[in-house]
Amino acid sequence: MNRWKVRGGWVKELACLGMVLAIGCSEPGPGEGGYASIQGVVMVEDWNSTFTTILSRYPAMDERIYLVAFADIDTLRLNPVAINDVRTVYNGAYRFPYLHTGRYRVYTYSDRFPTSGNTSNQEPVWRDVEIRSRREQVQLDTLWIKK
C-alpha cells in the first residue's frame, strides 16, 4: 500500500508541474518588436450607384488592412512591400501587435466613382503613424471607405 502512495504522489506532482508549465506558456510574450501595437476601426459609407447619396454607414467586417514600414525615416520613403496584413472583425476593428519603433502607414482600399480620367475603381485610404516606444499602444482615427 505504501508503494502505491509514493507512485500516486509522483503522478500528482507531475500533473501539477504540467499544469503550471501549460499556464505559464499560454500567455504570449513580446515579439521581436516588443509590446507596441497599432489598432483602429474601418467604417463603410454605402453610396448609391452614382456616388451622389450615402445610403448607410456601418462597420467594415472582413476588410483587409495593410501595414507598411517607412524604409528611410529622413526622406519618408516607403518600403514597397507590405510587412503585414489583417482582416477587420465584426465591428470593423483591427490590430497590428508586436511592432518595432518607427514610422508606419496603415491602409486599405476604397471604391471610387469611375470617371474618364481614372482607370481604377479603387483608391487607397491611409493613416501614417509613428511608434516611439516599445510599449506604445497607438489608436488611429477611423478609416472611412466607400462601397
Protein backbone atom coordinates (compact mmCIF):
# COMPACT_ATOMS: atom_id res chain seq x y z
CA MET A 1 0.00 0.00 0.00
CA ASN A 2 2.84 2.37 0.79
CA ARG A 3 4.35 1.75 -2.65
CA TRP A 4 1.12 2.94 -4.37
CA LYS A 5 1.00 6.12 -2.28
CA VAL A 6 4.51 7.00 -3.46
CA ARG A 7 3.58 6.39 -7.11
CA GLY A 8 0.32 8.32 -6.70
CA GLY A 9 2.19 11.27 -5.19
CA TRP A 10 4.69 11.25 -8.04
CA VAL A 11 1.93 11.23 -10.65
CA LYS A 12 0.11 14.10 -8.90
CA GLU A 13 3.32 16.16 -8.73
CA LEU A 14 4.00 15.53 -12.41
CA ALA A 15 0.44 16.53 -13.32
CA CYS A 16 0.72 19.74 -11.27
CA LEU A 17 4.04 20.59 -12.90
CA GLY A 18 2.48 20.07 -16.34
CA MET A 19 -0.42 22.39 -15.47
CA VAL A 20 1.94 25.09 -14.18
CA LEU A 21 4.03 24.91 -17.35
CA ALA A 22 0.96 24.99 -19.60
CA ILE A 23 -0.46 28.03 -17.82
CA GLY A 24 2.88 29.82 -17.96
CA CYS A 25 3.21 29.18 -21.69
CA SER A 26 -0.31 30.27 -22.65
CA GLU A 27 0.34 34.00 -22.20
CA PRO A 28 2.13 35.35 -25.29
CA GLY A 29 5.21 37.40 -24.61
CA PRO A 30 6.54 40.24 -26.67
CA GLY A 31 7.54 39.55 -30.23
CA GLU A 32 10.73 40.88 -31.75
CA GLY A 33 9.32 44.39 -31.68
CA GLY A 34 8.14 44.40 -28.08
CA TYR A 35 4.66 45.26 -26.90
CA ALA A 36 3.91 48.17 -29.28
CA SER A 37 0.79 47.95 -31.42
CA ILE A 38 -1.38 49.90 -33.83
CA GLN A 39 -5.14 49.49 -33.77
CA GLY A 40 -8.17 51.18 -35.23
CA VAL A 41 -11.56 50.80 -36.89
CA VAL A 42 -12.72 50.79 -40.51
CA MET A 43 -16.20 52.07 -41.33
CA VAL A 44 -18.12 51.81 -44.61
CA GLU A 45 -20.14 54.52 -46.32
CA ASP A 46 -22.59 52.72 -48.60
CA TRP A 47 -23.25 55.03 -51.59
CA ASN A 48 -25.77 54.75 -54.41
CA SER A 49 -24.51 53.72 -57.86
CA THR A 50 -23.80 57.30 -58.97
CA PHE A 51 -21.96 58.21 -55.73
CA THR A 52 -24.34 61.11 -55.03
CA THR A 53 -26.13 59.86 -51.88
CA ILE A 54 -24.94 57.94 -48.82
CA LEU A 55 -27.42 55.13 -48.18
CA SER A 56 -25.98 53.86 -44.88
CA ARG A 57 -22.91 53.67 -42.65
CA TYR A 58 -21.73 50.53 -40.88
CA PRO A 59 -18.57 48.75 -39.58
CA ALA A 60 -16.42 47.16 -42.29
CA MET A 61 -16.42 43.44 -41.50
CA ASP A 62 -13.71 41.20 -43.02
CA GLU A 63 -11.96 44.09 -44.79
CA ARG A 64 -8.23 43.64 -45.48
CA ILE A 65 -5.93 46.22 -43.82
CA TYR A 66 -2.24 46.55 -44.69
CA LEU A 67 0.77 47.79 -42.73
CA VAL A 68 3.97 49.06 -44.35
CA ALA A 69 7.08 50.50 -42.74
CA PHE A 70 8.95 53.57 -43.88
CA ALA A 71 12.34 52.44 -45.20
CA ASP A 72 14.07 55.77 -44.60
CA ILE A 73 12.78 57.99 -41.81
CA ASP A 74 14.65 61.07 -43.09
CA THR A 75 13.09 61.04 -46.57
CA LEU A 76 9.87 59.23 -45.52
CA ARG A 77 10.32 56.81 -48.40
CA LEU A 78 8.01 53.81 -48.07
CA ASN A 79 9.22 50.24 -48.16
CA PRO A 80 7.34 48.88 -51.20
CA VAL A 81 6.39 45.60 -49.52
CA ALA A 82 3.57 45.33 -47.00
CA ILE A 83 5.04 43.82 -43.84
CA ASN A 84 1.70 42.63 -42.51
CA ASP A 85 -1.98 42.47 -43.30
CA VAL A 86 -5.00 41.61 -41.19
CA ARG A 87 -8.76 41.49 -41.63
CA THR A 88 -11.22 43.52 -39.65
CA VAL A 89 -13.60 41.76 -37.25
CA TYR A 90 -17.39 42.13 -36.99
CA ASN A 91 -17.20 45.67 -35.55
CA GLY A 92 -14.61 46.94 -38.04
CA ALA A 93 -11.71 46.72 -35.58
CA TYR A 94 -8.18 45.64 -36.50
CA ARG A 95 -4.87 45.39 -34.64
CA PHE A 96 -1.19 45.05 -35.57
CA PRO A 97 0.68 43.77 -32.47
CA TYR A 98 4.37 43.33 -31.60
CA LEU A 99 5.83 46.19 -33.63
CA HIS A 100 9.23 47.86 -33.58
CA THR A 101 9.60 51.58 -33.01
CA GLY A 102 9.46 53.54 -36.25
CA ARG A 103 7.11 55.07 -38.80
CA TYR A 104 4.32 53.09 -40.41
CA ARG A 105 1.47 53.50 -42.88
CA VAL A 106 -1.81 51.65 -42.31
CA TYR A 107 -4.01 51.49 -45.40
CA THR A 108 -6.93 49.82 -47.12
CA TYR A 109 -8.79 50.35 -50.39
CA SER A 110 -12.00 52.26 -51.00
CA ASP A 111 -14.26 52.23 -54.07
CA ARG A 112 -14.43 55.44 -56.05
CA PHE A 113 -16.72 56.84 -58.67
CA PRO A 114 -15.31 55.98 -62.11
CA THR A 115 -14.53 58.96 -64.35
CA SER A 116 -12.89 59.29 -67.72
CA GLY A 117 -9.64 60.39 -66.04
CA ASN A 118 -9.10 57.38 -63.79
CA THR A 119 -8.61 53.78 -64.81
CA SER A 120 -9.12 52.18 -61.41
CA ASN A 121 -12.33 51.98 -59.44
CA GLN A 122 -10.40 51.81 -56.14
CA GLU A 123 -8.24 54.26 -54.21
CA PRO A 124 -6.11 53.82 -51.09
CA VAL A 125 -7.17 55.29 -47.75
CA TRP A 126 -4.38 55.55 -45.17
CA ARG A 127 -3.08 56.89 -41.88
CA ASP A 128 0.60 57.49 -41.12
CA VAL A 129 1.78 56.85 -37.58
CA GLU A 130 5.00 56.79 -35.57
CA ILE A 131 5.73 54.38 -32.72
CA ARG A 132 8.21 55.97 -30.34
CA SER A 133 8.48 53.31 -27.62
CA ARG A 134 8.41 49.53 -27.50
CA ARG A 135 5.25 49.52 -25.34
CA GLU A 136 3.25 52.23 -27.11
CA GLN A 137 -0.37 51.40 -27.97
CA VAL A 138 -1.44 53.62 -30.88
CA GLN A 139 -5.17 54.14 -31.55
CA LEU A 140 -5.70 55.50 -35.08
CA ASP A 141 -8.57 57.66 -36.29
CA THR A 142 -11.34 55.83 -38.14
CA LEU A 143 -10.65 54.87 -41.76
CA TRP A 144 -13.77 55.54 -43.88
CA ILE A 145 -14.20 53.59 -47.10
CA LYS A 146 -16.85 53.84 -49.81
CA LYS A 147 -18.73 50.84 -51.17
